[in-house]
């Protein structure tokens, strides 16, 4: 969990996931598989700079740049774009 939070910048608070990555620019992108109860989240992070440019969940841009985790026993795709 330490690597997930400190390096990859995934922060969990109840059913809310936010992002604050601290990764080198040489990392073009990375993926995380995260299970929330009975639901799988496939998270892709595209590194184009610092700061969160956008967070998209199942094709829908999240206005608050966070993921509201739900336990619907499904699978969800999350795309995080870095570089403000």
N, C-alpha and C. Protein backbone atom coordinates (compact mmCIF):
# COMPACT_ATOMS: atom_id res chain seq x y z
N UNK A 1 0.82 -1.19 0.00
CA UNK A 1 0.00 0.00 0.00
C UNK A 1 0.87 1.26 0.00
N UNK A 2 2.05 1.19 0.60
CA UNK A 2 2.93 2.35 0.67
C UNK A 2 3.34 2.81 -0.73
N UNK A 3 3.72 1.88 -1.61
CA UNK A 3 4.12 2.24 -2.98
C UNK A 3 2.93 2.84 -3.72
N UNK A 4 1.76 2.25 -3.54
CA UNK A 4 0.54 2.73 -4.20
C UNK A 4 0.28 4.19 -3.85
N UNK A 5 0.47 4.54 -2.59
CA UNK A 5 0.19 5.91 -2.16
C UNK A 5 1.35 6.85 -2.41
N UNK A 6 2.56 6.49 -2.00
CA UNK A 6 3.67 7.44 -2.06
C UNK A 6 4.22 7.66 -3.46
N UNK A 7 4.42 6.62 -4.23
CA UNK A 7 5.00 6.77 -5.56
C UNK A 7 3.94 6.94 -6.64
N UNK A 8 2.98 6.04 -6.67
CA UNK A 8 1.96 6.09 -7.72
C UNK A 8 0.87 7.11 -7.43
N UNK A 9 0.80 7.58 -6.19
CA UNK A 9 -0.07 8.70 -5.87
C UNK A 9 -1.54 8.39 -5.74
N UNK A 10 -1.90 7.13 -5.58
CA UNK A 10 -3.31 6.76 -5.40
C UNK A 10 -3.65 6.93 -3.93
N UNK A 11 -4.64 7.76 -3.66
CA UNK A 11 -5.05 8.02 -2.29
C UNK A 11 -6.50 7.59 -2.11
N UNK A 12 -6.74 6.80 -1.07
CA UNK A 12 -8.07 6.27 -0.79
C UNK A 12 -8.61 6.87 0.49
N UNK A 13 -9.87 7.26 0.43
CA UNK A 13 -10.56 7.78 1.61
C UNK A 13 -12.00 7.30 1.53
N UNK A 14 -12.30 6.22 2.24
CA UNK A 14 -13.64 5.63 2.15
C UNK A 14 -13.90 5.12 0.76
N UNK A 15 -14.94 5.64 0.10
CA UNK A 15 -15.27 5.20 -1.26
C UNK A 15 -14.81 6.22 -2.31
N UNK A 16 -13.79 6.99 -1.97
CA UNK A 16 -13.27 8.01 -2.88
C UNK A 16 -11.79 7.74 -3.17
N UNK A 17 -11.43 7.75 -4.45
CA UNK A 17 -10.05 7.57 -4.88
C UNK A 17 -9.59 8.85 -5.57
N UNK A 18 -8.45 9.36 -5.14
CA UNK A 18 -7.88 10.54 -5.80
C UNK A 18 -6.44 10.22 -6.17
N UNK A 19 -5.82 11.11 -6.93
CA UNK A 19 -4.50 10.85 -7.48
C UNK A 19 -3.57 12.04 -7.26
N UNK A 20 -2.34 11.73 -6.90
CA UNK A 20 -1.29 12.73 -6.74
C UNK A 20 0.06 12.04 -6.98
N UNK A 21 0.30 11.58 -8.22
CA UNK A 21 1.50 10.80 -8.50
C UNK A 21 2.78 11.63 -8.41
N UNK A 22 3.84 10.95 -8.04
CA UNK A 22 5.18 11.54 -7.97
C UNK A 22 6.11 10.60 -8.72
N UNK A 23 5.95 10.56 -10.04
CA UNK A 23 6.70 9.60 -10.86
C UNK A 23 7.66 10.34 -11.78
N UNK A 24 8.73 9.69 -12.20
CA UNK A 24 9.68 10.33 -13.11
C UNK A 24 9.07 10.53 -14.50
N UNK A 25 9.51 11.56 -15.20
CA UNK A 25 9.00 11.85 -16.55
C UNK A 25 9.29 10.71 -17.53
N UNK A 26 10.32 9.91 -17.26
CA UNK A 26 10.67 8.82 -18.15
C UNK A 26 9.56 7.76 -18.20
N UNK A 27 8.73 7.72 -17.16
CA UNK A 27 7.59 6.80 -17.17
C UNK A 27 6.50 7.41 -18.04
N UNK A 28 6.32 6.90 -19.21
CA UNK A 28 5.29 7.43 -20.11
C UNK A 28 3.88 7.11 -19.64
N UNK A 29 3.72 5.92 -19.08
CA UNK A 29 2.40 5.52 -18.58
C UNK A 29 2.57 4.30 -17.68
N UNK A 30 1.53 4.02 -16.91
CA UNK A 30 1.50 2.80 -16.12
C UNK A 30 0.06 2.41 -15.85
N UNK A 31 -0.12 1.17 -15.45
CA UNK A 31 -1.47 0.66 -15.18
C UNK A 31 -1.52 0.06 -13.78
N UNK A 32 -2.69 0.17 -13.19
CA UNK A 32 -2.95 -0.38 -11.86
C UNK A 32 -4.25 -1.16 -11.94
N UNK A 33 -4.27 -2.32 -11.34
CA UNK A 33 -5.51 -3.09 -11.17
C UNK A 33 -5.89 -2.96 -9.70
N UNK A 34 -7.06 -2.44 -9.43
CA UNK A 34 -7.48 -2.23 -8.04
C UNK A 34 -8.86 -2.84 -7.81
N UNK A 35 -8.96 -3.67 -6.80
CA UNK A 35 -10.25 -4.29 -6.46
C UNK A 35 -10.85 -3.55 -5.27
N UNK A 36 -12.07 -3.06 -5.47
CA UNK A 36 -12.84 -2.45 -4.39
C UNK A 36 -14.01 -3.38 -4.09
N UNK A 37 -13.91 -4.08 -2.98
CA UNK A 37 -14.88 -5.11 -2.61
C UNK A 37 -15.02 -6.11 -3.75
N UNK A 38 -16.18 -6.17 -4.43
CA UNK A 38 -16.39 -7.13 -5.51
C UNK A 38 -16.26 -6.50 -6.89
N UNK A 39 -15.67 -5.34 -6.98
CA UNK A 39 -15.60 -4.59 -8.23
C UNK A 39 -14.14 -4.33 -8.60
N UNK A 40 -13.82 -4.53 -9.89
CA UNK A 40 -12.45 -4.33 -10.36
C UNK A 40 -12.35 -2.99 -11.10
N UNK A 41 -11.31 -2.24 -10.77
CA UNK A 41 -11.01 -0.98 -11.46
C UNK A 41 -9.69 -1.15 -12.21
N UNK A 42 -9.72 -0.90 -13.51
CA UNK A 42 -8.55 -0.95 -14.37
C UNK A 42 -8.14 0.51 -14.59
N UNK A 43 -7.02 0.90 -14.03
CA UNK A 43 -6.61 2.29 -14.03
C UNK A 43 -5.37 2.47 -14.90
N UNK A 44 -5.47 3.36 -15.86
CA UNK A 44 -4.33 3.71 -16.70
C UNK A 44 -3.95 5.16 -16.43
N UNK A 45 -2.66 5.40 -16.25
CA UNK A 45 -2.16 6.75 -16.00
C UNK A 45 -1.20 7.12 -17.12
N UNK A 46 -1.50 8.22 -17.82
CA UNK A 46 -0.65 8.71 -18.90
C UNK A 46 0.11 9.92 -18.39
N UNK A 47 1.42 9.84 -18.42
CA UNK A 47 2.29 10.87 -17.84
C UNK A 47 2.74 11.86 -18.91
N UNK A 48 2.17 13.07 -18.88
CA UNK A 48 2.58 14.12 -19.81
C UNK A 48 2.98 15.38 -19.04
N UNK A 49 3.35 15.21 -17.77
CA UNK A 49 3.75 16.36 -16.96
C UNK A 49 3.25 16.21 -15.54
N UNK A 50 3.26 17.31 -14.82
CA UNK A 50 2.83 17.28 -13.42
C UNK A 50 1.40 17.78 -13.29
N UNK A 51 0.75 17.35 -12.24
CA UNK A 51 -0.63 17.76 -11.98
C UNK A 51 -1.62 16.88 -12.73
N UNK A 52 -2.84 16.87 -12.25
CA UNK A 52 -3.91 16.08 -12.87
C UNK A 52 -4.62 16.91 -13.92
N UNK A 53 -4.56 16.46 -15.15
CA UNK A 53 -5.26 17.15 -16.24
C UNK A 53 -6.71 16.68 -16.30
N UNK A 54 -6.92 15.35 -16.21
CA UNK A 54 -8.28 14.83 -16.24
C UNK A 54 -8.33 13.42 -15.68
N UNK A 55 -9.51 13.07 -15.19
CA UNK A 55 -9.82 11.71 -14.75
C UNK A 55 -11.11 11.32 -15.44
N UNK A 56 -11.06 10.19 -16.16
CA UNK A 56 -12.22 9.71 -16.92
C UNK A 56 -12.57 8.32 -16.43
N UNK A 57 -13.82 8.12 -16.05
CA UNK A 57 -14.29 6.81 -15.57
C UNK A 57 -15.35 6.32 -16.54
N UNK A 58 -15.08 5.19 -17.17
CA UNK A 58 -16.01 4.58 -18.13
C UNK A 58 -16.48 5.60 -19.17
N UNK A 59 -15.53 6.42 -19.64
CA UNK A 59 -15.81 7.38 -20.70
C UNK A 59 -16.41 8.70 -20.23
N UNK A 60 -16.58 8.87 -18.94
CA UNK A 60 -17.19 10.09 -18.41
C UNK A 60 -16.14 10.88 -17.62
N UNK A 61 -15.91 12.14 -18.05
CA UNK A 61 -14.95 13.01 -17.37
C UNK A 61 -15.49 13.33 -15.99
N UNK A 62 -14.62 13.19 -14.99
CA UNK A 62 -14.99 13.47 -13.60
C UNK A 62 -14.63 14.92 -13.27
N UNK A 63 -15.63 15.73 -12.98
CA UNK A 63 -15.42 17.16 -12.74
C UNK A 63 -14.48 17.42 -11.56
N UNK A 64 -14.50 16.55 -10.56
CA UNK A 64 -13.67 16.75 -9.38
C UNK A 64 -12.35 15.96 -9.43
N UNK A 65 -12.05 15.36 -10.60
CA UNK A 65 -10.81 14.58 -10.79
C UNK A 65 -10.63 13.46 -9.78
N UNK A 66 -11.73 12.89 -9.30
CA UNK A 66 -11.67 11.75 -8.38
C UNK A 66 -12.52 10.62 -8.94
N UNK A 67 -12.36 9.45 -8.34
CA UNK A 67 -13.17 8.28 -8.70
C UNK A 67 -14.04 7.96 -7.49
N UNK A 68 -15.33 7.94 -7.69
CA UNK A 68 -16.27 7.55 -6.65
C UNK A 68 -16.48 6.04 -6.79
N UNK A 69 -15.86 5.29 -5.90
CA UNK A 69 -15.87 3.83 -5.98
C UNK A 69 -17.25 3.27 -5.65
N UNK A 70 -17.70 2.35 -6.48
CA UNK A 70 -18.97 1.67 -6.25
C UNK A 70 -18.72 0.17 -6.24
N UNK A 71 -19.51 -0.55 -5.49
CA UNK A 71 -19.40 -2.00 -5.42
C UNK A 71 -20.58 -2.60 -6.18
N UNK A 72 -20.45 -2.63 -7.51
CA UNK A 72 -21.53 -3.16 -8.35
C UNK A 72 -21.16 -4.49 -8.99
N UNK A 73 -20.07 -5.10 -8.52
CA UNK A 73 -19.58 -6.39 -9.01
C UNK A 73 -19.19 -6.37 -10.48
N UNK A 74 -18.98 -5.18 -11.03
CA UNK A 74 -18.59 -5.04 -12.43
C UNK A 74 -17.12 -4.72 -12.57
N UNK A 75 -16.77 -4.22 -13.76
CA UNK A 75 -15.43 -3.76 -14.05
C UNK A 75 -15.53 -2.35 -14.61
N UNK A 76 -14.61 -1.50 -14.19
CA UNK A 76 -14.62 -0.10 -14.63
C UNK A 76 -13.25 0.29 -15.14
N UNK A 77 -13.25 1.15 -16.14
CA UNK A 77 -12.02 1.66 -16.74
C UNK A 77 -11.82 3.11 -16.30
N UNK A 78 -10.64 3.37 -15.79
CA UNK A 78 -10.29 4.72 -15.35
C UNK A 78 -9.05 5.16 -16.12
N UNK A 79 -9.10 6.37 -16.66
CA UNK A 79 -7.93 6.94 -17.34
C UNK A 79 -7.59 8.26 -16.67
N UNK A 80 -6.36 8.33 -16.19
CA UNK A 80 -5.86 9.54 -15.54
C UNK A 80 -4.83 10.16 -16.47
N UNK A 81 -5.04 11.42 -16.81
CA UNK A 81 -4.13 12.16 -17.69
C UNK A 81 -3.39 13.19 -16.86
N UNK A 82 -2.06 13.09 -16.84
CA UNK A 82 -1.24 14.06 -16.11
C UNK A 82 -0.77 15.16 -17.06
N UNK A 83 -0.48 16.32 -16.50
CA UNK A 83 0.09 17.40 -17.30
C UNK A 83 -0.88 18.55 -17.48
N UNK A 84 -0.86 19.46 -16.55
CA UNK A 84 -1.77 20.61 -16.60
C UNK A 84 -1.25 21.62 -17.60
